[in-house]
PDB file of N, CA and C in Angstrom:
ATOM      1  N   MET A   1      -4.392  10.947 -18.168  1.00  0.00           N
ATOM      2  CA  MET A   1      -3.725   9.953 -18.687  1.00  0.00           C
ATOM      3  C   MET A   1      -3.696   8.180 -17.707  1.00  0.00           C
ATOM      4  N   ILE A   2      -4.499   7.475 -18.473  1.00  0.00           N
ATOM      5  CA  ILE A   2      -4.317   6.198 -17.638  1.00  0.00           C
ATOM      6  C   ILE A   2      -2.879   5.391 -17.972  1.00  0.00           C
ATOM      7  N   LYS A   3      -2.440   4.751 -17.220  1.00  0.00           N
ATOM      8  CA  LYS A   3      -1.121   4.310 -17.786  1.00  0.00           C
ATOM      9  C   LYS A   3      -1.171   2.681 -17.573  1.00  0.00           C
ATOM     10  N   GLU A   4      -1.452   2.092 -18.451  1.00  0.00           N
ATOM     11  CA  GLU A   4      -1.552   0.407 -18.286  1.00  0.00           C
ATOM     12  C   GLU A   4      -1.061  -0.651 -17.794  1.00  0.00           C
ATOM     13  N   ASP A   5       0.438   0.179 -17.819  1.00  0.00           N
ATOM     14  CA  ASP A   5       1.345  -0.864 -17.724  1.00  0.00           C
ATOM     15  C   ASP A   5       2.316  -1.156 -16.114  1.00  0.00           C
ATOM     16  N   LYS A   6       1.433   0.116 -15.457  1.00  0.00           N
ATOM     17  CA  LYS A   6       1.768  -0.334 -14.143  1.00  0.00           C
ATOM     18  C   LYS A   6       0.388  -0.074 -13.497  1.00  0.00           C
ATOM     19  N   ILE A   7       0.685  -0.791 -11.963  1.00  0.00           N
ATOM     20  CA  ILE A   7      -0.953  -0.623 -11.102  1.00  0.00           C
ATOM     21  C   ILE A   7      -0.386  -0.245 -10.107  1.00  0.00           C
ATOM     22  N   SER A   8      -1.458   0.677  -9.454  1.00  0.00           N
ATOM     23  CA  SER A   8      -1.907   1.427  -7.815  1.00  0.00           C
ATOM     24  C   SER A   8      -2.076   0.158  -7.090  1.00  0.00           C
ATOM     25  N   ILE A   9      -1.493   0.374  -5.779  1.00  0.00           N
ATOM     26  CA  ILE A   9      -2.021  -0.530  -4.942  1.00  0.00           C
ATOM     27  C   ILE A   9      -2.346   0.296  -3.908  1.00  0.00           C
ATOM     28  N   ILE A  10      -3.367   0.203  -2.855  1.00  0.00           N
ATOM     29  CA  ILE A  10      -3.375   0.919  -1.800  1.00  0.00           C
ATOM     30  C   ILE A  10      -4.163  -0.174  -0.639  1.00  0.00           C
ATOM     31  N   ILE A  11      -3.133   0.418   0.702  1.00  0.00           N
ATOM     32  CA  ILE A  11      -3.425  -0.143   1.744  1.00  0.00           C
ATOM     33  C   ILE A  11      -3.449   0.069   2.953  1.00  0.00           C
ATOM     34  N   PRO A  12      -5.048   0.355   3.383  1.00  0.00           N
ATOM     35  CA  PRO A  12      -5.331   1.106   4.292  1.00  0.00           C
ATOM     36  C   PRO A  12      -4.584   0.167   6.138  1.00  0.00           C
ATOM     37  N   ALA A  13      -4.074   0.896   6.673  1.00  0.00           N
ATOM     38  CA  ALA A  13      -3.573   0.389   7.702  1.00  0.00           C
ATOM     39  C   ALA A  13      -3.438   0.936   9.425  1.00  0.00           C
ATOM     40  N   PHE A  14      -4.954   0.255   9.858  1.00  0.00           N
ATOM     41  CA  PHE A  14      -5.131   0.634  11.003  1.00  0.00           C
ATOM     42  C   PHE A  14      -4.192  -0.589  12.414  1.00  0.00           C
ATOM     43  N   ASN A  15      -3.293   0.037  12.953  1.00  0.00           N
ATOM     44  CA  ASN A  15      -2.575  -0.924  13.927  1.00  0.00           C
ATOM     45  C   ASN A  15      -1.788  -2.300  13.565  1.00  0.00           C
ATOM     46  N   GLU A  16      -1.651  -1.784  12.128  1.00  0.00           N
ATOM     47  CA  GLU A  16      -1.089  -3.116  11.461  1.00  0.00           C
ATOM     48  C   GLU A  16       0.398  -3.632  11.801  1.00  0.00           C
ATOM     49  N   GLU A  17       0.853  -3.342  12.861  1.00  0.00           N
ATOM     50  CA  GLU A  17       2.215  -3.405  12.778  1.00  0.00           C
ATOM     51  C   GLU A  17       3.186  -4.590  13.077  1.00  0.00           C
ATOM     52  N   LYS A  18       2.354  -6.266  13.611  1.00  0.00           N
ATOM     53  CA  LYS A  18       2.594  -7.495  13.148  1.00  0.00           C
ATOM     54  C   LYS A  18       2.473  -8.050  11.815  1.00  0.00           C
ATOM     55  N   VAL A  19       1.945  -7.006  10.925  1.00  0.00           N
ATOM     56  CA  VAL A  19       1.728  -7.908   9.613  1.00  0.00           C
ATOM     57  C   VAL A  19       2.045  -7.543   8.341  1.00  0.00           C
ATOM     58  N   ILE A  20       2.411  -5.550   8.579  1.00  0.00           N
ATOM     59  CA  ILE A  20       2.515  -4.838   7.586  1.00  0.00           C
ATOM     60  C   ILE A  20       3.545  -5.418   6.504  1.00  0.00           C
ATOM     61  N   LEU A  21       4.868  -5.359   7.271  1.00  0.00           N
ATOM     62  CA  LEU A  21       5.623  -6.170   6.573  1.00  0.00           C
ATOM     63  C   LEU A  21       5.709  -7.500   5.746  1.00  0.00           C
ATOM     64  N   ARG A  22       4.996  -8.546   5.918  1.00  0.00           N
ATOM     65  CA  ARG A  22       4.178  -9.723   5.353  1.00  0.00           C
ATOM     66  C   ARG A  22       3.689  -8.955   4.209  1.00  0.00           C
ATOM     67  N   CYS A  23       2.876  -8.288   4.064  1.00  0.00           N
ATOM     68  CA  CYS A  23       1.977  -7.659   3.234  1.00  0.00           C
ATOM     69  C   CYS A  23       2.811  -7.479   2.205  1.00  0.00           C
ATOM     70  N   LEU A  24       4.204  -6.171   2.391  1.00  0.00           N
ATOM     71  CA  LEU A  24       4.710  -5.654   1.641  1.00  0.00           C
ATOM     72  C   LEU A  24       5.339  -6.785   1.166  1.00  0.00           C
ATOM     73  N   ASN A  25       6.386  -7.367   1.818  1.00  0.00           N
ATOM     74  CA  ASN A  25       7.268  -8.003   1.032  1.00  0.00           C
ATOM     75  C   ASN A  25       6.942  -9.209   0.341  1.00  0.00           C
ATOM     76  N   SER A  26       5.552  -9.549   0.431  1.00  0.00           N
ATOM     77  CA  SER A  26       5.250 -10.620  -0.775  1.00  0.00           C
ATOM     78  C   SER A  26       4.491  -9.515  -1.949  1.00  0.00           C
ATOM     79  N   ILE A  27       4.086  -8.250  -1.856  1.00  0.00           N
ATOM     80  CA  ILE A  27       3.906  -7.842  -2.703  1.00  0.00           C
ATOM     81  C   ILE A  27       5.069  -7.544  -3.795  1.00  0.00           C
ATOM     82  N   TYR A  28       6.350  -7.126  -3.453  1.00  0.00           N
ATOM     83  CA  TYR A  28       7.314  -6.708  -3.698  1.00  0.00           C
ATOM     84  C   TYR A  28       8.394  -8.239  -4.063  1.00  0.00           C
ATOM     85  N   GLN A  29       8.010  -9.157  -3.929  1.00  0.00           N
ATOM     86  CA  GLN A  29       8.804 -10.376  -3.927  1.00  0.00           C
ATOM     87  C   GLN A  29       8.433 -10.884  -5.558  1.00  0.00           C
ATOM     88  N   GLY A  30       9.244 -11.157  -6.287  1.00  0.00           N
ATOM     89  CA  GLY A  30       9.597 -11.302  -7.839  1.00  0.00           C
ATOM     90  C   GLY A  30       9.140 -10.639  -8.765  1.00  0.00           C
ATOM     91  N   THR A  31       8.872  -9.049  -8.346  1.00  0.00           N
ATOM     92  CA  THR A  31       8.357  -8.016  -9.351  1.00  0.00           C
ATOM     93  C   THR A  31       9.293  -6.361  -9.294  1.00  0.00           C
ATOM     94  N   ALA A  32       9.427  -5.933 -10.193  1.00  0.00           N
ATOM     95  CA  ALA A  32      10.263  -4.871 -10.537  1.00  0.00           C
ATOM     96  C   ALA A  32       9.457  -3.844  -9.883  1.00  0.00           C
ATOM     97  N   PRO A  33       9.780  -3.428  -8.487  1.00  0.00           N
ATOM     98  CA  PRO A  33       9.413  -2.363  -7.827  1.00  0.00           C
ATOM     99  C   PRO A  33       8.548  -0.942  -8.302  1.00  0.00           C
ATOM    100  N   GLU A  34       9.559  -0.428  -9.953  1.00  0.00           N
ATOM    101  CA  GLU A  34       9.022   0.367 -10.982  1.00  0.00           C
ATOM    102  C   GLU A  34       7.553   0.183 -11.457  1.00  0.00           C
ATOM    103  N   LEU A  35       7.118  -1.172 -11.425  1.00  0.00           N
ATOM    104  CA  LEU A  35       5.340  -1.361 -11.617  1.00  0.00           C
ATOM    105  C   LEU A  35       4.721  -1.383 -11.253  1.00  0.00           C
ATOM    106  N   LEU A  36       4.924  -1.251 -10.051  1.00  0.00           N
ATOM    107  CA  LEU A  36       3.791  -0.947  -8.729  1.00  0.00           C
ATOM    108  C   LEU A  36       4.070   0.327  -8.470  1.00  0.00           C
ATOM    109  N   GLN A  37       2.915   1.308  -8.210  1.00  0.00           N
ATOM    110  CA  GLN A  37       2.755   2.451  -7.283  1.00  0.00           C
ATOM    111  C   GLN A  37       2.117   1.857  -6.015  1.00  0.00           C
ATOM    112  N   VAL A  38       3.017   2.076  -4.616  1.00  0.00           N
ATOM    113  CA  VAL A  38       2.140   1.194  -3.070  1.00  0.00           C
ATOM    114  C   VAL A  38       2.073   2.321  -2.579  1.00  0.00           C
ATOM    115  N   ILE A  39       0.860   2.572  -2.059  1.00  0.00           N
ATOM    116  CA  ILE A  39       0.589   3.533  -1.019  1.00  0.00           C
ATOM    117  C   ILE A  39      -0.149   3.172  -0.161  1.00  0.00           C
ATOM    118  N   VAL A  40       0.467   3.354   1.074  1.00  0.00           N
ATOM    119  CA  VAL A  40       0.108   3.051   2.716  1.00  0.00           C
ATOM    120  C   VAL A  40      -0.371   3.728   3.057  1.00  0.00           C
ATOM    121  N   VAL A  41      -1.444   3.832   3.565  1.00  0.00           N
ATOM    122  CA  VAL A  41      -2.520   4.538   4.288  1.00  0.00           C
ATOM    123  C   VAL A  41      -3.088   3.895   5.730  1.00  0.00           C
ATOM    124  N   CYS A  42      -2.112   5.024   6.860  1.00  0.00           N
ATOM    125  CA  CYS A  42      -2.117   4.728   8.101  1.00  0.00           C
ATOM    126  C   CYS A  42      -2.936   5.831   8.790  1.00  0.00           C
ATOM    127  N   ASN A  43      -4.163   5.108   9.557  1.00  0.00           N
ATOM    128  CA  ASN A  43      -5.407   5.735   9.556  1.00  0.00           C
ATOM    129  C   ASN A  43      -5.968   5.666  10.959  1.00  0.00           C
ATOM    130  N   GLY A  44      -4.935   6.546  11.740  1.00  0.00           N
ATOM    131  CA  GLY A  44      -5.354   6.598  13.455  1.00  0.00           C
ATOM    132  C   GLY A  44      -4.618   5.640  14.222  1.00  0.00           C
ATOM    133  N   CYS A  45      -3.625   5.224  13.665  1.00  0.00           N
ATOM    134  CA  CYS A  45      -2.462   3.946  14.165  1.00  0.00           C
ATOM    135  C   CYS A  45      -1.905   4.778  15.303  1.00  0.00           C
ATOM    136  N   THR A  46      -2.018   3.653  16.409  1.00  0.00           N
ATOM    137  CA  THR A  46      -1.053   4.332  18.048  1.00  0.00           C
ATOM    138  C   THR A  46      -0.257   2.957  18.177  1.00  0.00           C
ATOM    139  N   ASP A  47       0.394   2.427  17.413  1.00  0.00           N
ATOM    140  CA  ASP A  47       1.443   1.285  17.159  1.00  0.00           C
ATOM    141  C   ASP A  47       2.302   1.981  16.176  1.00  0.00           C
ATOM    142  N   SER A  48       3.516   1.244  15.706  1.00  0.00           N
ATOM    143  CA  SER A  48       4.419   1.780  14.965  1.00  0.00           C
ATOM    144  C   SER A  48       4.413   1.463  13.063  1.00  0.00           C
ATOM    145  N   THR A  49       2.796   1.258  13.019  1.00  0.00           N
ATOM    146  CA  THR A  49       2.991   0.541  11.524  1.00  0.00           C
ATOM    147  C   THR A  49       3.934   1.754  10.571  1.00  0.00           C
ATOM    148  N   TYR A  50       3.650   3.205  11.052  1.00  0.00           N
ATOM    149  CA  TYR A  50       3.635   3.935   9.858  1.00  0.00           C
ATOM    150  C   TYR A  50       5.830   3.966  10.184  1.00  0.00           C
ATOM    151  N   THR A  51       6.141   3.611  11.139  1.00  0.00           N
ATOM    152  CA  THR A  51       7.425   3.945  10.980  1.00  0.00           C
ATOM    153  C   THR A  51       8.048   2.925  10.363  1.00  0.00           C
ATOM    154  N   ILE A  52       7.270   1.611  10.753  1.00  0.00           N
ATOM    155  CA  ILE A  52       7.863   0.196  10.678  1.00  0.00           C
ATOM    156  C   ILE A  52       8.024   0.625   8.658  1.00  0.00           C
ATOM    157  N   VAL A  53       6.929   1.073   8.126  1.00  0.00           N
ATOM    158  CA  VAL A  53       7.190   1.161   6.945  1.00  0.00           C
ATOM    159  C   VAL A  53       8.046   1.742   6.339  1.00  0.00           C
ATOM    160  N   LYS A  54       7.920   3.378   6.779  1.00  0.00           N
ATOM    161  CA  LYS A  54       9.173   4.724   6.521  1.00  0.00           C
ATOM    162  C   LYS A  54      10.426   3.943   6.770  1.00  0.00           C
ATOM    163  N   ASN A  55      10.544   2.827   7.431  1.00  0.00           N
ATOM    164  CA  ASN A  55      11.877   2.830   7.719  1.00  0.00           C
ATOM    165  C   ASN A  55      12.535   1.464   6.749  1.00  0.00           C
ATOM    166  N   LYS A  56      11.623   1.023   6.313  1.00  0.00           N
ATOM    167  CA  LYS A  56      11.859  -0.682   5.407  1.00  0.00           C
ATOM    168  C   LYS A  56      11.693  -0.264   4.011  1.00  0.00           C
ATOM    169  N   TYR A  57      10.773   0.884   3.502  1.00  0.00           N
ATOM    170  CA  TYR A  57      10.510   0.898   2.502  1.00  0.00           C
ATOM    171  C   TYR A  57       9.972   2.190   2.234  1.00  0.00           C
ATOM    172  N   LYS A  58      10.629   3.585   2.417  1.00  0.00           N
ATOM    173  CA  LYS A  58      10.626   5.058   2.483  1.00  0.00           C
ATOM    174  C   LYS A  58      10.823   5.044   0.629  1.00  0.00           C
ATOM    175  N   GLU A  59      11.782   3.783   0.221  1.00  0.00           N
ATOM    176  CA  GLU A  59      12.699   4.538  -1.236  1.00  0.00           C
ATOM    177  C   GLU A  59      11.333   4.231  -2.375  1.00  0.00           C
ATOM    178  N   VAL A  60      10.485   3.381  -1.892  1.00  0.00           N
ATOM    179  CA  VAL A  60       9.524   2.781  -3.164  1.00  0.00           C
ATOM    180  C   VAL A  60       8.211   3.354  -2.780  1.00  0.00           C
ATOM    181  N   ILE A  61       7.780   3.403  -1.124  1.00  0.00           N
ATOM    182  CA  ILE A  61       6.129   3.402  -0.885  1.00  0.00           C
ATOM    183  C   ILE A  61       5.788   4.939  -0.769  1.00  0.00           C
ATOM    184  N   GLN A  62       4.551   5.605  -1.000  1.00  0.00           N
ATOM    185  CA  GLN A  62       4.224   6.348  -0.581  1.00  0.00           C
ATOM    186  C   GLN A  62       3.153   6.008   0.477  1.00  0.00           C
ATOM    187  N   ILE A  63       3.713   6.986   1.785  1.00  0.00           N
ATOM    188  CA  ILE A  63       3.273   6.164   2.812  1.00  0.00           C
ATOM    189  C   ILE A  63       2.207   7.381   3.580  1.00  0.00           C
ATOM    190  N   LEU A  64       1.187   7.405   4.196  1.00  0.00           N
ATOM    191  CA  LEU A  64       0.239   8.665   4.669  1.00  0.00           C
ATOM    192  C   LEU A  64       0.209   8.515   6.015  1.00  0.00           C
ATOM    193  N   ASN A  65       0.038   9.418   7.247  1.00  0.00           N
ATOM    194  CA  ASN A  65      -0.244   9.234   8.259  1.00  0.00           C
ATOM    195  C   ASN A  65      -1.420  10.311   8.635  1.00  0.00           C
ATOM    196  N   ILE A  66      -2.212   9.653   8.875  1.00  0.00           N
ATOM    197  CA  ILE A  66      -3.684  10.498   9.092  1.00  0.00           C
ATOM    198  C   ILE A  66      -4.507  10.309  10.592  1.00  0.00           C
ATOM    199  N   GLU A  67      -4.619  11.470  10.655  1.00  0.00           N
ATOM    200  CA  GLU A  67      -5.113  11.129  12.211  1.00  0.00           C
ATOM    201  C   GLU A  67      -6.744  10.237  12.321  1.00  0.00           C
ATOM    202  N   LYS A  68      -7.737  10.217  11.414  1.00  0.00           N
ATOM    203  CA  LYS A  68      -8.723   9.899  11.697  1.00  0.00           C
ATOM    204  C   LYS A  68      -8.956   7.952  11.605  1.00  0.00           C
ATOM    205  N   PRO A  69      -9.130   7.637  12.531  1.00  0.00           N
ATOM    206  CA  PRO A  69      -9.253   6.320  11.813  1.00  0.00           C
ATOM    207  C   PRO A  69     -10.314   5.741  11.524  1.00  0.00           C
ATOM    208  N   SER A  70     -10.511   5.804   9.891  1.00  0.00           N
ATOM    209  CA  SER A  70     -11.542   5.196   9.099  1.00  0.00           C
ATOM    210  C   SER A  70     -11.175   4.639   7.897  1.00  0.00           C
ATOM    211  N   LYS A  71     -11.176   3.116   7.838  1.00  0.00           N
ATOM    212  CA  LYS A  71     -10.971   2.750   6.763  1.00  0.00           C
ATOM    213  C   LYS A  71     -11.046   3.334   5.433  1.00  0.00           C
ATOM    214  N   SER A  72     -12.348   3.665   5.382  1.00  0.00           N
ATOM    215  CA  SER A  72     -12.928   4.253   3.760  1.00  0.00           C
ATOM    216  C   SER A  72     -12.397   5.664   3.671  1.00  0.00           C
ATOM    217  N   ASN A  73     -12.205   6.247   4.866  1.00  0.00           N
ATOM    218  CA  ASN A  73     -11.576   7.631   4.803  1.00  0.00           C
ATOM    219  C   ASN A  73      -9.868   6.989   3.931  1.00  0.00           C
ATOM    220  N   ALA A  74      -9.483   6.339   4.808  1.00  0.00           N
ATOM    221  CA  ALA A  74      -8.052   5.843   3.965  1.00  0.00           C
ATOM    222  C   ALA A  74      -8.080   5.598   2.394  1.00  0.00           C
ATOM    223  N   LEU A  75      -8.754   4.700   2.136  1.00  0.00           N
ATOM    224  CA  LEU A  75      -8.743   4.199   0.759  1.00  0.00           C
ATOM    225  C   LEU A  75      -9.154   5.298  -0.060  1.00  0.00           C
ATOM    226  N   ASN A  76     -10.164   6.546   0.303  1.00  0.00           N
ATOM    227  CA  ASN A  76     -10.631   7.521  -0.772  1.00  0.00           C
ATOM    228  C   ASN A  76      -9.444   8.280  -0.852  1.00  0.00           C
ATOM    229  N   VAL A  77      -8.501   8.708   0.782  1.00  0.00           N
ATOM    230  CA  VAL A  77      -6.991   9.285   0.104  1.00  0.00           C
ATOM    231  C   VAL A  77      -6.073   8.233  -0.308  1.00  0.00           C
ATOM    232  N   GLY A  78      -5.790   7.317  -0.813  1.00  0.00           N
ATOM    233  CA  GLY A  78      -4.723   6.915  -1.021  1.00  0.00           C
ATOM    234  C   GLY A  78      -5.094   6.723  -2.685  1.00  0.00           C
ATOM    235  N   ASP A  79      -6.492   6.831  -3.035  1.00  0.00           N
ATOM    236  CA  ASP A  79      -7.410   6.807  -4.228  1.00  0.00           C
ATOM    237  C   ASP A  79      -6.780   8.328  -4.690  1.00  0.00           C
ATOM    238  N   LYS A  80      -7.114   9.232  -4.222  1.00  0.00           N
ATOM    239  CA  LYS A  80      -5.922  10.659  -4.799  1.00  0.00           C
ATOM    240  C   LYS A  80      -5.494  10.555  -5.200  1.00  0.00           C
ATOM    241  N   LEU A  81      -4.148   9.833  -4.685  1.00  0.00           N
ATOM    242  CA  LEU A  81      -2.714   9.764  -4.721  1.00  0.00           C
ATOM    243  C   LEU A  81      -2.623   8.570  -5.807  1.00  0.00           C
ATOM    244  N   ALA A  82      -3.338   7.970  -6.226  1.00  0.00           N
ATOM    245  CA  ALA A  82      -3.222   6.617  -7.124  1.00  0.00           C
ATOM    246  C   ALA A  82      -3.130   7.268  -8.543  1.00  0.00           C
ATOM    247  N   LYS A  83      -2.243   6.635  -8.861  1.00  0.00           N
ATOM    248  CA  LYS A  83      -1.736   7.295 -10.636  1.00  0.00           C
ATOM    249  C   LYS A  83      -2.090   6.472 -11.643  1.00  0.00           C
ATOM    250  N   TYR A  84      -2.257   4.998 -11.775  1.00  0.00           N
ATOM    251  CA  TYR A  84      -2.345   4.174 -12.447  1.00  0.00           C
ATOM    252  C   TYR A  84      -3.581   3.103 -12.171  1.00  0.00           C
ATOM    253  N   PHE A  85      -4.101   2.605 -13.204  1.00  0.00           N
ATOM    254  CA  PHE A  85      -5.472   1.402 -14.036  1.00  0.00           C
ATOM    255  C   PHE A  85      -4.673   0.126 -14.277  1.00  0.00           C
ATOM    256  N   PRO A  86      -4.760  -0.973 -13.420  1.00  0.00           N
ATOM    257  CA  PRO A  86      -6.031  -0.842 -12.905  1.00  0.00           C
ATOM    258  C   PRO A  86      -5.503  -0.307 -11.029  1.00  0.00           C
ATOM    259  N   ARG A  87      -6.663  -0.791 -10.001  1.00  0.00           N
ATOM    260  CA  ARG A  87      -5.571  -0.251  -9.248  1.00  0.00           C
ATOM    261  C   ARG A  87      -6.499  -1.312  -8.120  1.00  0.00           C
ATOM    262  N   PHE A  88      -5.812  -1.942  -7.058  1.00  0.00           N
ATOM    263  CA  PHE A  88      -6.196  -2.579  -5.938  1.00  0.00           C
ATOM    264  C   PHE A  88      -5.539  -1.956  -4.985  1.00  0.00           C
ATOM    265  N   TYR A  89      -7.355  -2.838  -3.810  1.00  0.00           N
ATOM    266  CA  TYR A  89      -7.203  -2.204  -2.284  1.00  0.00           C
ATOM    267  C   TYR A  89      -6.920  -3.279  -1.400  1.00  0.00           C
ATOM    268  N   ILE A  90      -6.049  -3.492  -0.938  1.00  0.00           N
ATOM    269  CA  ILE A  90      -5.704  -4.517  -0.338  1.00  0.00           C
ATOM    270  C   ILE A  90      -5.109  -4.318   1.361  1.00  0.00           C
ATOM    271  N   ASP A  91      -6.248  -5.353   2.127  1.00  0.00           N
ATOM    272  CA  ASP A  91      -5.715  -4.952   3.916  1.00  0.00           C
ATOM    273  C   ASP A  91      -4.377  -5.225   3.995  1.00  0.00           C
ATOM    274  N   ALA A  92      -3.842  -5.007   4.847  1.00  0.00           N
ATOM    275  CA  ALA A  92      -2.357  -5.217   5.296  1.00  0.00           C
ATOM    276  C   ALA A  92      -2.234  -6.449   5.620  1.00  0.00           C
ATOM    277  N   ASP A  93      -3.324  -7.124   5.839  1.00  0.00           N
ATOM    278  CA  ASP A  93      -2.772  -8.868   6.406  1.00  0.00           C
ATOM    279  C   ASP A  93      -3.090  -9.541   5.359  1.00  0.00           C
ATOM    280  N   VAL A  94      -3.578  -9.157   4.078  1.00  0.00           N
ATOM    281  CA  VAL A  94      -3.112  -9.716   2.914  1.00  0.00           C
ATOM    282  C   VAL A  94      -1.746 -10.466   2.329  1.00  0.00           C
ATOM    283  N   TYR A  95      -1.877 -11.615   1.818  1.00  0.00           N
ATOM    284  CA  TYR A  95      -0.769 -11.502   1.563  1.00  0.00           C
ATOM    285  C   TYR A  95      -0.631 -12.138   0.136  1.00  0.00           C
ATOM    286  N   VAL A  96      -0.429 -11.368  -1.100  1.00  0.00           N
ATOM    287  CA  VAL A  96      -0.480 -11.121  -2.471  1.00  0.00           C
ATOM    288  C   VAL A  96       0.378 -10.762  -3.348  1.00  0.00           C
ATOM    289  N   THR A  97       0.984 -11.371  -4.167  1.00  0.00           N
ATOM    290  CA  THR A  97       1.835 -10.880  -4.884  1.00  0.00           C
ATOM    291  C   THR A  97       2.241  -9.937  -6.107  1.00  0.00           C
ATOM    292  N   GLY A  98       2.843  -9.371  -6.295  1.00  0.00           N
ATOM    293  CA  GLY A  98       2.466  -8.018  -7.215  1.00  0.00           C
ATOM    294  C   GLY A  98       2.542  -8.784  -8.661  1.00  0.00           C
ATOM    295  N   LYS A  99       3.140  -9.993  -8.974  1.00  0.00           N
ATOM    296  CA  LYS A  99       3.549 -10.427  -9.720  1.00  0.00           C
ATOM    297  C   LYS A  99       1.597 -11.097 -10.102  1.00  0.00           C
ATOM    298  N   SER A 100       1.299 -11.688  -9.004  1.00  0.00           N
ATOM    299  CA  SER A 100       0.083 -11.650  -9.625  1.00  0.00           C
ATOM    300  C   SER A 100      -1.384 -10.914  -9.523  1.00  0.00           C
ATOM    301  N   LEU A 101      -1.031  -9.630  -8.955  1.00  0.00           N
ATOM    302  CA  LEU A 101      -2.014  -8.401  -9.138  1.00  0.00           C
ATOM    303  C   LEU A 101      -1.633  -7.960 -10.693  1.00  0.00           C
ATOM    304  N   LEU A 102      -0.155  -7.640 -11.008  1.00  0.00           N
ATOM    305  CA  LEU A 102      -0.114  -7.480 -12.490  1.00  0.00           C
ATOM    306  C   LEU A 102      -0.772  -8.673 -13.432  1.00  0.00           C
ATOM    307  N   LYS A 103      -0.846  -9.616 -13.147  1.00  0.00           N
ATOM    308  CA  LYS A 103      -1.542 -10.561 -13.929  1.00  0.00           C
ATOM    309  C   LYS A 103      -3.272 -10.244 -14.643  1.00  0.00           C
ATOM    310  N   VAL A 104      -3.677  -9.652 -13.480  1.00  0.00           N
ATOM    311  CA  VAL A 104      -5.018  -9.793 -12.949  1.00  0.00           C
ATOM    312  C   VAL A 104      -5.100  -8.349 -14.223  1.00  0.00           C
TER     313      VAL A 104
END
């Protein structure tokens, strides 16, 4: 069953420790967290991206750490966990508000 009042956001992340929090902070700025399903898929990271996300957003974000450094694989893995439509696929260096995505 597709739920239209919420959205899923899938973020593939490969060594994004310098930008990931800015991305996530912008998504949650002015938006009720319960309207968003955010999935961060760290793929082949050798930096602390996974730890940073887990420490800051573990209560509201699904985060996975997969070994294969492949953006397309990360998107596919995240897509399998997504529950809502529409779905947004954004890079970790993109800054967009959840409010904007909900309006789309």
